[in-house]
C-alpha atoms as a PDB file:
ATOM      1  CA  UNK A   1     -24.337 -38.410 -27.117  1.00  0.00           C
ATOM      2  CA  UNK A   2     -21.073 -40.386 -26.762  1.00  0.00           C
ATOM      3  CA  UNK A   3     -18.010 -38.155 -26.630  1.00  0.00           C
ATOM      4  CA  UNK A   4     -20.069 -34.991 -26.005  1.00  0.00           C
ATOM      5  CA  UNK A   5     -18.546 -32.750 -23.352  1.00  0.00           C
ATOM      6  CA  UNK A   6     -20.541 -32.688 -20.121  1.00  0.00           C
ATOM      7  CA  UNK A   7     -22.189 -29.335 -19.510  1.00  0.00           C
ATOM      8  CA  UNK A   8     -21.524 -27.729 -16.125  1.00  0.00           C
ATOM      9  CA  UNK A   9     -24.641 -27.300 -14.009  1.00  0.00           C
ATOM     10  CA  UNK A  10     -23.270 -23.848 -13.132  1.00  0.00           C
ATOM     11  CA  UNK A  11     -23.059 -22.671 -16.754  1.00  0.00           C
ATOM     12  CA  UNK A  12     -26.168 -20.521 -16.655  1.00  0.00           C
ATOM     13  CA  UNK A  13     -25.531 -18.951 -13.259  1.00  0.00           C
ATOM     14  CA  UNK A  14     -24.553 -15.309 -12.720  1.00  0.00           C
ATOM     15  CA  UNK A  15     -20.709 -15.183 -12.867  1.00  0.00           C
ATOM     16  CA  UNK A  16     -20.695 -13.391  -9.511  1.00  0.00           C
ATOM     17  CA  UNK A  17     -22.118 -16.502  -7.867  1.00  0.00           C
ATOM     18  CA  UNK A  18     -19.401 -18.628  -9.433  1.00  0.00           C
ATOM     19  CA  UNK A  19     -16.670 -16.291  -8.151  1.00  0.00           C
ATOM     20  CA  UNK A  20     -18.131 -16.333  -4.658  1.00  0.00           C
ATOM     21  CA  UNK A  21     -18.519 -20.119  -4.666  1.00  0.00           C
ATOM     22  CA  UNK A  22     -15.017 -20.817  -5.948  1.00  0.00           C
ATOM     23  CA  UNK A  23     -13.168 -18.535  -3.527  1.00  0.00           C
ATOM     24  CA  UNK A  24     -15.197 -19.808  -0.588  1.00  0.00           C
ATOM     25  CA  UNK A  25     -14.437 -23.432  -1.469  1.00  0.00           C
ATOM     26  CA  UNK A  26     -10.746 -22.668  -2.050  1.00  0.00           C
ATOM     27  CA  UNK A  27      -9.873 -20.252   0.778  1.00  0.00           C
ATOM     28  CA  UNK A  28     -12.445 -21.011   3.481  1.00  0.00           C
ATOM     29  CA  UNK A  29     -13.046 -24.728   2.977  1.00  0.00           C
ATOM     30  CA  UNK A  30      -9.462 -25.469   1.806  1.00  0.00           C
ATOM     31  CA  UNK A  31     -10.601 -27.591  -1.124  1.00  0.00           C
ATOM     32  CA  UNK A  32      -8.162 -28.257  -3.957  1.00  0.00           C
ATOM     33  CA  UNK A  33      -8.634 -26.880  -7.455  1.00  0.00           C
ATOM     34  CA  UNK A  34      -9.245 -30.435  -8.675  1.00  0.00           C
ATOM     35  CA  UNK A  35     -12.045 -30.953  -6.124  1.00  0.00           C
ATOM     36  CA  UNK A  36     -13.659 -27.642  -7.065  1.00  0.00           C
ATOM     37  CA  UNK A  37     -13.316 -28.471 -10.760  1.00  0.00           C
ATOM     38  CA  UNK A  38     -15.122 -31.780 -10.237  1.00  0.00           C
ATOM     39  CA  UNK A  39     -17.895 -30.080  -8.279  1.00  0.00           C
ATOM     40  CA  UNK A  40     -18.716 -27.410 -10.855  1.00  0.00           C
ATOM     41  CA  UNK A  41     -17.820 -29.405 -13.960  1.00  0.00           C
ATOM     42  CA  UNK A  42     -14.895 -27.446 -15.374  1.00  0.00           C
ATOM     43  CA  UNK A  43     -11.164 -28.008 -15.674  1.00  0.00           C
ATOM     44  CA  UNK A  44      -8.775 -27.211 -12.828  1.00  0.00           C
ATOM     45  CA  UNK A  45      -7.167 -24.625 -15.121  1.00  0.00           C
ATOM     46  CA  UNK A  46     -10.535 -22.886 -15.392  1.00  0.00           C
ATOM     47  CA  UNK A  47     -10.803 -22.942 -11.599  1.00  0.00           C
ATOM     48  CA  UNK A  48      -7.369 -21.299 -11.326  1.00  0.00           C
ATOM     49  CA  UNK A  49      -8.502 -18.544 -13.719  1.00  0.00           C
ATOM     50  CA  UNK A  50     -11.734 -18.059 -11.761  1.00  0.00           C
ATOM     51  CA  UNK A  51      -9.767 -17.638  -8.526  1.00  0.00           C
ATOM     52  CA  UNK A  52      -7.461 -15.057 -10.131  1.00  0.00           C
ATOM     53  CA  UNK A  53     -10.433 -13.160 -11.575  1.00  0.00           C
ATOM     54  CA  UNK A  54     -12.287 -13.242  -8.249  1.00  0.00           C
ATOM     55  CA  UNK A  55      -9.250 -11.779  -6.454  1.00  0.00           C
ATOM     56  CA  UNK A  56      -8.816  -9.087  -9.133  1.00  0.00           C
ATOM     57  CA  UNK A  57     -12.494  -8.118  -8.825  1.00  0.00           C
ATOM     58  CA  UNK A  58     -12.296  -8.130  -5.022  1.00  0.00           C
ATOM     59  CA  UNK A  59     -14.695 -10.998  -4.349  1.00  0.00           C
ATOM     60  CA  UNK A  60     -12.116 -11.903  -1.749  1.00  0.00           C
ATOM     61  CA  UNK A  61      -9.660  -9.710   0.152  1.00  0.00           C
ATOM     62  CA  UNK A  62      -6.687 -10.696   2.262  1.00  0.00           C
ATOM     63  CA  UNK A  63      -6.448  -9.104   5.690  1.00  0.00           C
ATOM     64  CA  UNK A  64      -3.241  -9.175   7.729  1.00  0.00           C
ATOM     65  CA  UNK A  65      -4.293  -8.089  11.252  1.00  0.00           C
ATOM     66  CA  UNK A  66      -0.860  -6.959  12.425  1.00  0.00           C
ATOM     67  CA  UNK A  67       0.207  -5.385   9.146  1.00  0.00           C
ATOM     68  CA  UNK A  68      -1.264  -1.944   9.891  1.00  0.00           C
ATOM     69  CA  UNK A  69       0.832  -1.715  13.053  1.00  0.00           C
ATOM     70  CA  UNK A  70       3.950  -2.555  11.042  1.00  0.00           C
ATOM     71  CA  UNK A  71       3.065  -0.023   8.328  1.00  0.00           C
ATOM     72  CA  UNK A  72       2.566   2.662  10.987  1.00  0.00           C
ATOM     73  CA  UNK A  73       5.865   1.772  12.646  1.00  0.00           C
ATOM     74  CA  UNK A  74       7.732   2.070   9.353  1.00  0.00           C
ATOM     75  CA  UNK A  75       6.063   5.406   8.605  1.00  0.00           C
ATOM     76  CA  UNK A  76       7.053   6.664  12.063  1.00  0.00           C
ATOM     77  CA  UNK A  77      10.658   5.572  11.504  1.00  0.00           C
ATOM     78  CA  UNK A  78      10.758   7.378   8.156  1.00  0.00           C
ATOM     79  CA  UNK A  79       9.567  10.569   9.829  1.00  0.00           C
ATOM     80  CA  UNK A  80      12.201  10.221  12.519  1.00  0.00           C
ATOM     81  CA  UNK A  81      15.091   9.470  10.165  1.00  0.00           C
ATOM     82  CA  UNK A  82      14.320  12.159   7.578  1.00  0.00           C
ATOM     83  CA  UNK A  83      12.677  14.735   9.888  1.00  0.00           C
ATOM     84  CA  UNK A  84       9.364  14.523   8.054  1.00  0.00           C
ATOM     85  CA  UNK A  85       6.032  15.823   9.289  1.00  0.00           C
ATOM     86  CA  UNK A  86       4.294  12.677   8.047  1.00  0.00           C
ATOM     87  CA  UNK A  87       4.809   9.533   5.971  1.00  0.00           C
ATOM     88  CA  UNK A  88       2.280   7.227   4.349  1.00  0.00           C
ATOM     89  CA  UNK A  89       3.373   3.726   3.333  1.00  0.00           C
ATOM     90  CA  UNK A  90       1.516   1.517   0.876  1.00  0.00           C
ATOM     91  CA  UNK A  91       1.177  -1.766   2.731  1.00  0.00           C
ATOM     92  CA  UNK A  92       3.234  -4.836   1.875  1.00  0.00           C
ATOM     93  CA  UNK A  93      -0.102  -6.648   1.605  1.00  0.00           C
ATOM     94  CA  UNK A  94      -0.702  -4.730  -1.640  1.00  0.00           C
ATOM     95  CA  UNK A  95       0.796  -6.133  -4.832  1.00  0.00           C
ATOM     96  CA  UNK A  96       1.609  -4.835  -8.293  1.00  0.00           C
ATOM     97  CA  UNK A  97       3.469  -6.039 -11.347  1.00  0.00           C
ATOM     98  CA  UNK A  98       4.380  -2.764 -13.062  1.00  0.00           C
ATOM     99  CA  UNK A  99       5.224   0.846 -12.286  1.00  0.00           C
ATOM    100  CA  UNK A 100       1.878   1.823 -13.757  1.00  0.00           C
ATOM    101  CA  UNK A 101       0.037  -0.383 -11.265  1.00  0.00           C
ATOM    102  CA  UNK A 102       2.155   0.963  -8.403  1.00  0.00           C
ATOM    103  CA  UNK A 103       1.386   4.552  -9.466  1.00  0.00           C
ATOM    104  CA  UNK A 104      -2.299   3.661  -9.439  1.00  0.00           C
ATOM    105  CA  UNK A 105      -2.098   2.320  -5.881  1.00  0.00           C
ATOM    106  CA  UNK A 106      -0.003   5.261  -4.681  1.00  0.00           C
ATOM    107  CA  UNK A 107      -2.576   7.552  -6.251  1.00  0.00           C
ATOM    108  CA  UNK A 108      -5.268   5.843  -4.201  1.00  0.00           C
ATOM    109  CA  UNK A 109      -3.568   6.306  -0.819  1.00  0.00           C
ATOM    110  CA  UNK A 110      -2.577   9.869  -1.749  1.00  0.00           C
ATOM    111  CA  UNK A 111      -6.181  10.718  -2.580  1.00  0.00           C
ATOM    112  CA  UNK A 112      -7.269   9.291   0.793  1.00  0.00           C
ATOM    113  CA  UNK A 113      -4.565  11.282   2.583  1.00  0.00           C
ATOM    114  CA  UNK A 114      -5.640  14.529   0.903  1.00  0.00           C
ATOM    115  CA  UNK A 115      -9.300  13.892   1.713  1.00  0.00           C
ATOM    116  CA  UNK A 116      -8.372  13.424   5.391  1.00  0.00           C
ATOM    117  CA  UNK A 117      -5.996  16.351   5.773  1.00  0.00           C
ATOM    118  CA  UNK A 118      -7.097  19.210   3.517  1.00  0.00           C
ATOM    119  CA  UNK A 119      -9.385  21.830   5.013  1.00  0.00           C
ATOM    120  CA  UNK A 120     -11.602  24.514   3.508  1.00  0.00           C
ATOM    121  CA  UNK A 121      -9.865  27.609   2.164  1.00  0.00           C
ATOM    122  CA  UNK A 122      -6.438  26.036   1.801  1.00  0.00           C
ATOM    123  CA  UNK A 123      -4.225  27.091  -1.098  1.00  0.00           C
ATOM    124  CA  UNK A 124      -2.964  23.951  -2.846  1.00  0.00           C
ATOM    125  CA  UNK A 125      -0.180  23.908  -5.431  1.00  0.00           C
ATOM    126  CA  UNK A 126      -0.222  20.993  -7.877  1.00  0.00           C
ATOM    127  CA  UNK A 127       2.600  19.747 -10.115  1.00  0.00           C
ATOM    128  CA  UNK A 128       2.090  17.194 -12.901  1.00  0.00           C
ATOM    129  CA  UNK A 129       2.808  13.566 -13.802  1.00  0.00           C
ATOM    130  CA  UNK A 130       1.416  10.033 -13.874  1.00  0.00           C
ATOM    131  CA  UNK A 131       1.085   9.456 -10.146  1.00  0.00           C
ATOM    132  CA  UNK A 132      -0.704  12.791  -9.655  1.00  0.00           C
ATOM    133  CA  UNK A 133      -3.045  11.984 -12.532  1.00  0.00           C
ATOM    134  CA  UNK A 134      -3.883   8.733 -10.751  1.00  0.00           C
ATOM    135  CA  UNK A 135      -4.374  10.630  -7.486  1.00  0.00           C
ATOM    136  CA  UNK A 136      -6.794  13.103  -9.029  1.00  0.00           C
ATOM    137  CA  UNK A 137      -8.806  10.322 -10.681  1.00  0.00           C
ATOM    138  CA  UNK A 138      -9.444   8.788  -7.238  1.00  0.00           C
ATOM    139  CA  UNK A 139     -10.369  11.927  -5.297  1.00  0.00           C
ATOM    140  CA  UNK A 140     -13.741  11.882  -3.591  1.00  0.00           C
ATOM    141  CA  UNK A 141     -14.996  14.564  -1.257  1.00  0.00           C
ATOM    142  CA  UNK A 142     -12.808  17.641  -0.786  1.00  0.00           C
ATOM    143  CA  UNK A 143     -13.540  20.947   0.909  1.00  0.00           C
ATOM    144  CA  UNK A 144     -13.454  24.151  -1.203  1.00  0.00           C
ATOM    145  CA  UNK A 145      -9.838  24.898  -2.155  1.00  0.00           C
ATOM    146  CA  UNK A 146      -7.775  27.366  -4.163  1.00  0.00           C
ATOM    147  CA  UNK A 147      -5.911  25.080  -6.585  1.00  0.00           C
ATOM    148  CA  UNK A 148      -2.779  26.614  -8.088  1.00  0.00           C
ATOM    149  CA  UNK A 149      -0.796  25.592 -11.172  1.00  0.00           C
ATOM    150  CA  UNK A 150       2.906  25.296 -10.290  1.00  0.00           C
ATOM    151  CA  UNK A 151       4.495  25.479 -13.739  1.00  0.00           C
ATOM    152  CA  UNK A 152       3.891  26.340 -17.344  1.00  0.00           C
ATOM    153  CA  UNK A 153       2.878  23.659 -19.829  1.00  0.00           C
ATOM    154  CA  UNK A 154       4.826  21.603 -22.366  1.00  0.00           C
ATOM    155  CA  UNK A 155       3.560  19.520 -25.314  1.00  0.00           C
ATOM    156  CA  UNK A 156       5.833  16.657 -24.253  1.00  0.00           C
ATOM    157  CA  UNK A 157       3.660  16.065 -21.173  1.00  0.00           C
ATOM    158  CA  UNK A 158       0.336  14.365 -21.868  1.00  0.00           C
ATOM    159  CA  UNK A 159      -2.563  16.739 -21.249  1.00  0.00           C
ATOM    160  CA  UNK A 160      -4.227  14.314 -18.819  1.00  0.00           C
ATOM    161  CA  UNK A 161      -1.033  14.411 -16.726  1.00  0.00           C
ATOM    162  CA  UNK A 162      -0.373  18.112 -17.190  1.00  0.00           C
ATOM    163  CA  UNK A 163      -0.881  20.813 -14.564  1.00  0.00           C
ATOM    164  CA  UNK A 164      -3.787  22.653 -16.232  1.00  0.00           C
ATOM    165  CA  UNK A 165      -5.996  19.583 -16.489  1.00  0.00           C
ATOM    166  CA  UNK A 166      -5.136  18.429 -12.965  1.00  0.00           C
ATOM    167  CA  UNK A 167      -5.860  21.727 -11.213  1.00  0.00           C
ATOM    168  CA  UNK A 168      -9.219  22.092 -12.959  1.00  0.00           C
ATOM    169  CA  UNK A 169     -10.215  18.542 -11.993  1.00  0.00           C
ATOM    170  CA  UNK A 170      -9.286  19.089  -8.336  1.00  0.00           C
ATOM    171  CA  UNK A 171     -11.136  22.410  -8.272  1.00  0.00           C
ATOM    172  CA  UNK A 172     -14.196  20.693  -9.748  1.00  0.00           C
ATOM    173  CA  UNK A 173     -14.132  17.977  -7.072  1.00  0.00           C
ATOM    174  CA  UNK A 174     -13.676  20.509  -4.270  1.00  0.00           C
ATOM    175  CA  UNK A 175     -16.030  23.159  -5.580  1.00  0.00           C
ATOM    176  CA  UNK A 176     -13.137  25.599  -5.222  1.00  0.00           C
ATOM    177  CA  UNK A 177     -11.289  27.802  -7.685  1.00  0.00           C
ATOM    178  CA  UNK A 178      -8.543  26.878 -10.146  1.00  0.00           C
ATOM    179  CA  UNK A 179      -5.703  29.316 -10.780  1.00  0.00           C
ATOM    180  CA  UNK A 180      -4.208  28.377 -14.168  1.00  0.00           C
ATOM    181  CA  UNK A 181      -1.242  29.850 -16.011  1.00  0.00           C
ATOM    182  CA  UNK A 182      -1.462  29.503 -19.789  1.00  0.00           C
ATOM    183  CA  UNK A 183       2.220  29.930 -20.609  1.00  0.00           C
ATOM    184  CA  UNK A 184       4.943  27.500 -21.758  1.00  0.00           C
ATOM    185  CA  UNK A 185       7.095  25.761 -19.181  1.00  0.00           C
ATOM    186  CA  UNK A 186       9.963  27.775 -20.653  1.00  0.00           C
ATOM    187  CA  UNK A 187      10.846  29.937 -23.651  1.00  0.00           C
ATOM    188  CA  UNK A 188      14.103  30.298 -25.567  1.00  0.00           C
ATOM    189  CA  UNK A 189      14.496  34.054 -25.277  1.00  0.00           C
ATOM    190  CA  UNK A 190      15.226  35.874 -22.021  1.00  0.00           C
ATOM    191  CA  UNK A 191      13.464  39.083 -23.087  1.00  0.00           C
ATOM    192  CA  UNK A 192      10.331  37.087 -23.950  1.00  0.00           C
ATOM    193  CA  UNK A 193      10.525  35.343 -20.585  1.00  0.00           C
ATOM    194  CA  UNK A 194      10.660  38.732 -18.855  1.00  0.00           C
ATOM    195  CA  UNK A 195       7.707  39.994 -20.877  1.00  0.00           C
ATOM    196  CA  UNK A 196       5.558  36.938 -20.141  1.00  0.00           C
ATOM    197  CA  UNK A 197       6.470  37.063 -16.450  1.00  0.00           C
ATOM    198  CA  UNK A 198       4.920  40.535 -16.237  1.00  0.00           C
ATOM    199  CA  UNK A 199       1.636  39.406 -17.802  1.00  0.00           C
ATOM    200  CA  UNK A 200      -1.197  39.970 -15.343  1.00  0.00           C
ATOM    201  CA  UNK A 201      -2.607  36.452 -15.748  1.00  0.00           C
ATOM    202  CA  UNK A 202       0.786  34.985 -14.811  1.00  0.00           C
ATOM    203  CA  UNK A 203       1.160  37.362 -11.882  1.00  0.00           C
ATOM    204  CA  UNK A 204      -2.328  36.486 -10.636  1.00  0.00           C
ATOM    205  CA  UNK A 205      -1.344  32.815 -10.357  1.00  0.00           C
ATOM    206  CA  UNK A 206       2.229  33.254  -9.148  1.00  0.00           C
ATOM    207  CA  UNK A 207       1.124  35.530  -6.312  1.00  0.00           C
ATOM    208  CA  UNK A 208       0.027  32.338  -4.534  1.00  0.00           C
ATOM    209  CA  UNK A 209       3.461  30.705  -4.707  1.00  0.00           C
ATOM    210  CA  UNK A 210       4.728  32.456  -1.595  1.00  0.00           C
ATOM    211  CA  UNK A 211       1.667  31.585   0.523  1.00  0.00           C
ATOM    212  CA  UNK A 212       0.751  28.001  -0.294  1.00  0.00           C
ATOM    213  CA  UNK A 213      -0.542  25.679   2.422  1.00  0.00           C
ATOM    214  CA  UNK A 214       0.268  22.496   0.500  1.00  0.00           C
ATOM    215  CA  UNK A 215       2.249  21.444  -2.546  1.00  0.00           C
ATOM    216  CA  UNK A 216       1.532  18.048  -4.074  1.00  0.00           C
ATOM    217  CA  UNK A 217       4.212  16.738  -6.425  1.00  0.00           C
ATOM    218  CA  UNK A 218       5.622  13.592  -7.924  1.00  0.00           C
ATOM    219  CA  UNK A 219       9.367  12.963  -7.871  1.00  0.00           C
ATOM    220  CA  UNK A 220      11.323  12.671 -11.098  1.00  0.00           C
ATOM    221  CA  UNK A 221      14.339  10.338 -11.097  1.00  0.00           C
ATOM    222  CA  UNK A 222      17.098  11.368 -13.512  1.00  0.00           C
ATOM    223  CA  UNK A 223      19.366   8.405 -12.704  1.00  0.00           C
ATOM    224  CA  UNK A 224      16.861   5.902 -14.062  1.00  0.00           C
ATOM    225  CA  UNK A 225      15.392   8.268 -16.646  1.00  0.00           C
ATOM    226  CA  UNK A 226      12.034   8.118 -14.860  1.00  0.00           C
ATOM    227  CA  UNK A 227      11.403  11.846 -15.102  1.00  0.00           C
ATOM    228  CA  UNK A 228       9.050  13.591 -17.493  1.00  0.00           C
ATOM    229  CA  UNK A 229      11.121  16.757 -17.044  1.00  0.00           C
ATOM    230  CA  UNK A 230      14.312  14.944 -18.037  1.00  0.00           C
ATOM    231  CA  UNK A 231      12.525  13.603 -21.116  1.00  0.00           C
ATOM    232  CA  UNK A 232      11.629  17.074 -22.394  1.00  0.00           C
ATOM    233  CA  UNK A 233      14.710  19.081 -21.387  1.00  0.00           C
ATOM    234  CA  UNK A 234      16.849  20.210 -24.350  1.00  0.00           C
ATOM    235  CA  UNK A 235      20.058  18.122 -24.615  1.00  0.00           C
ATOM    236  CA  UNK A 236      22.155  21.270 -24.204  1.00  0.00           C
ATOM    237  CA  UNK A 237      20.487  21.829 -20.815  1.00  0.00           C
ATOM    238  CA  UNK A 238      20.831  18.211 -19.738  1.00  0.00           C
ATOM    239  CA  UNK A 239      24.586  17.801 -20.219  1.00  0.00           C
ATOM    240  CA  UNK A 240      25.796  20.226 -17.503  1.00  0.00           C
ATOM    241  CA  UNK A 241      23.131  18.912 -15.132  1.00  0.00           C
ATOM    242  CA  UNK A 242      24.351  15.326 -15.517  1.00  0.00           C
ATOM    243  CA  UNK A 243      27.881  16.635 -14.981  1.00  0.00           C
ATOM    244  CA  UNK A 244      26.621  18.074 -11.680  1.00  0.00           C
ATOM    245  CA  UNK A 245      25.227  14.646 -10.668  1.00  0.00           C
ATOM    246  CA  UNK A 246      21.542  15.541 -11.045  1.00  0.00           C
ATOM    247  CA  UNK A 247      19.314  12.930  -9.442  1.00  0.00           C
ATOM    248  CA  UNK A 248      15.805  14.338  -9.037  1.00  0.00           C
ATOM    249  CA  UNK A 249      13.269  17.011  -9.771  1.00  0.00           C
ATOM    250  CA  UNK A 250      10.489  18.320  -7.549  1.00  0.00           C
ATOM    251  CA  UNK A 251       8.228  20.500  -9.689  1.00  0.00           C
ATOM    252  CA  UNK A 252      10.867  22.577 -11.549  1.00  0.00           C
ATOM    253  CA  UNK A 253      13.502  22.347  -8.794  1.00  0.00           C
ATOM    254  CA  UNK A 254      16.498  20.206  -9.773  1.00  0.00           C
ATOM    255  CA  UNK A 255      18.472  18.309  -7.126  1.00  0.00           C
ATOM    256  CA  UNK A 256      21.704  16.332  -7.147  1.00  0.00           C
ATOM    257  CA  UNK A 257      22.383  13.109  -5.232  1.00  0.00           C
ATOM    258  CA  UNK A 258      23.532  14.964  -2.122  1.00  0.00           C
ATOM    259  CA  UNK A 259      20.376  17.059  -2.027  1.00  0.00           C
ATOM    260  CA  UNK A 260      21.986  20.230  -3.391  1.00  0.00           C
ATOM    261  CA  UNK A 261      19.709  22.477  -5.463  1.00  0.00           C
ATOM    262  CA  UNK A 262      21.131  22.921  -8.976  1.00  0.00           C
ATOM    263  CA  UNK A 263      21.015  25.942 -11.245  1.00  0.00           C
ATOM    264  CA  UNK A 264      19.570  25.585 -14.747  1.00  0.00           C
ATOM    265  CA  UNK A 265      18.282  27.764 -17.612  1.00  0.00           C
ATOM    266  CA  UNK A 266      14.798  27.219 -16.133  1.00  0.00           C
ATOM    267  CA  UNK A 267      15.680  29.845 -13.531  1.00  0.00           C
ATOM    268  CA  UNK A 268      15.951  32.503 -16.260  1.00  0.00           C
ATOM    269  CA  UNK A 269      13.676  31.178 -18.998  1.00  0.00           C
ATOM    270  CA  UNK A 270      11.082  29.113 -17.176  1.00  0.00           C
ATOM    271  CA  UNK A 271       7.775  29.573 -15.385  1.00  0.00           C
ATOM    272  CA  UNK A 272       7.276  27.660 -12.183  1.00  0.00           C
ATOM    273  CA  UNK A 273       7.519  27.705  -8.421  1.00  0.00           C
ATOM    274  CA  UNK A 274      11.071  28.297  -7.163  1.00  0.00           C
ATOM    275  CA  UNK A 275      12.996  26.125  -4.720  1.00  0.00           C
ATOM    276  CA  UNK A 276      12.834  28.927  -2.140  1.00  0.00           C
ATOM    277  CA  UNK A 277       9.053  29.128  -2.486  1.00  0.00           C
ATOM    278  CA  UNK A 278       8.862  25.341  -2.112  1.00  0.00           C
ATOM    279  CA  UNK A 279      10.948  25.558   1.047  1.00  0.00           C
ATOM    280  CA  UNK A 280       8.609  28.207   2.476  1.00  0.00           C
ATOM    281  CA  UNK A 281       5.457  26.169   1.751  1.00  0.00           C
ATOM    282  CA  UNK A 282       3.785  24.906   4.913  1.00  0.00           C
ATOM    283  CA  UNK A 283       3.835  21.307   3.654  1.00  0.00           C
ATOM    284  CA  UNK A 284       5.369  19.746   0.545  1.00  0.00           C
ATOM    285  CA  UNK A 285       3.969  16.290  -0.199  1.00  0.00           C
ATOM    286  CA  UNK A 286       6.095  14.057  -2.439  1.00  0.00           C
ATOM    287  CA  UNK A 287       4.565  10.921  -3.982  1.00  0.00           C
ATOM    288  CA  UNK A 288       6.774   8.241  -5.546  1.00  0.00           C
ATOM    289  CA  UNK A 289       7.694   4.589  -5.203  1.00  0.00           C
ATOM    290  CA  UNK A 290       9.409   1.669  -6.848  1.00  0.00           C
ATOM    291  CA  UNK A 291      12.987   0.903  -7.809  1.00  0.00           C
ATOM    292  CA  UNK A 292      13.061   3.364 -10.705  1.00  0.00           C
ATOM    293  CA  UNK A 293      12.219   6.247  -8.351  1.00  0.00           C
ATOM    294  CA  UNK A 294      14.543   5.293  -5.485  1.00  0.00           C
ATOM    295  CA  UNK A 295      17.529   7.560  -6.271  1.00  0.00           C
ATOM    296  CA  UNK A 296      15.191  10.485  -6.861  1.00  0.00           C
ATOM    297  CA  UNK A 297      13.422   9.911  -3.551  1.00  0.00           C
ATOM    298  CA  UNK A 298      16.722   9.787  -1.659  1.00  0.00           C
ATOM    299  CA  UNK A 299      17.927  13.017  -3.298  1.00  0.00           C
ATOM    300  CA  UNK A 300      14.620  14.745  -2.535  1.00  0.00           C
ATOM    301  CA  UNK A 301      14.779  13.685   1.103  1.00  0.00           C
ATOM    302  CA  UNK A 302      18.401  14.861   1.312  1.00  0.00           C
ATOM    303  CA  UNK A 303      17.339  18.291   0.017  1.00  0.00           C
ATOM    304  CA  UNK A 304      15.087  18.884   3.002  1.00  0.00           C
ATOM    305  CA  UNK A 305      12.312  20.130   0.722  1.00  0.00           C
ATOM    306  CA  UNK A 306       9.907  17.286   1.491  1.00  0.00           C
ATOM    307  CA  UNK A 307       7.643  17.396   4.531  1.00  0.00           C
ATOM    308  CA  UNK A 308       5.549  14.330   3.676  1.00  0.00           C
ATOM    309  CA  UNK A 309       6.559  11.223   1.740  1.00  0.00           C
ATOM    310  CA  UNK A 310       4.010   8.815   0.281  1.00  0.00           C
ATOM    311  CA  UNK A 311       5.668   5.634  -0.965  1.00  0.00           C
ATOM    312  CA  UNK A 312       5.487   1.838  -1.004  1.00  0.00           C
ATOM    313  CA  UNK A 313       6.573  -0.647   1.666  1.00  0.00           C
ATOM    314  CA  UNK A 314       9.637  -1.978  -0.157  1.00  0.00           C
ATOM    315  CA  UNK A 315      10.968   1.504  -0.883  1.00  0.00           C
ATOM    316  CA  UNK A 316      10.347   2.523   2.734  1.00  0.00           C
ATOM    317  CA  UNK A 317      12.323  -0.471   4.014  1.00  0.00           C
ATOM    318  CA  UNK A 318      15.185   0.336   1.656  1.00  0.00           C
ATOM    319  CA  UNK A 319      15.204   3.968   2.782  1.00  0.00           C
ATOM    320  CA  UNK A 320      15.393   2.910   6.424  1.00  0.00           C
ATOM    321  CA  UNK A 321      18.227   0.487   5.665  1.00  0.00           C
END
């Protein structure tokens, strides 16, 4: 009928075929979006959307042959500058548009790193946070591990990002054993803190703190406010810490811009691995990236507590500069 819109001959095809066709025409055959639109009977705007969707669903991937060498070189330079045992850099060929997407990608490379480096029987301490939640969601095969909770719990931290949920998920993937600690992150009374610290269940978990093979932790940034610990600390605790130029937290260890470990009420009222126990751990792995984590990463590196840094390309370049 006159004026009726022409139906595309591709309308009834499996969408996967359309994605494959469009990206091949566009990237391999160098056809324009207008030419592709004419071929399949849709608008050029529809073609643009199909290309974006095909990329998002990995019907096409971009490979930069020399990029891996550059990523490895940058990682090596990070190790040399900050005296690290290892560094893993999310390639510049990866892209993201939000901190959430970056955390997801960092979680992916962290999961791969753990799968490559952890061995059976290791004792692994796990902190909490968004990037660790992403890491755990992407774990595949792991050898049997003892998985240890590194702090008490707090209702201000989402359960899916909290230490109890994370250690049980890792233990389930590895077929190992979780060592939980069902106490608050801190209490308000020193006598109660002393009483809880002597509870056998707490002692059973904390006995591992002095003999951990690995600690896996995110990095909280207090300068940008990108710290779940900063968010839940009582205001009366925060004020003197900001006066002391606090910049970062690793687990429950608080660090100023120069890398100095700061005192806080957590040391008397809290439940978590100490800075000295972190320092004595065979390998502390810190995972963080993006502008909002930069000051925290620098402070953590200055503290000397980190042995491995997992971060993104842009942050790595800035650290080297």
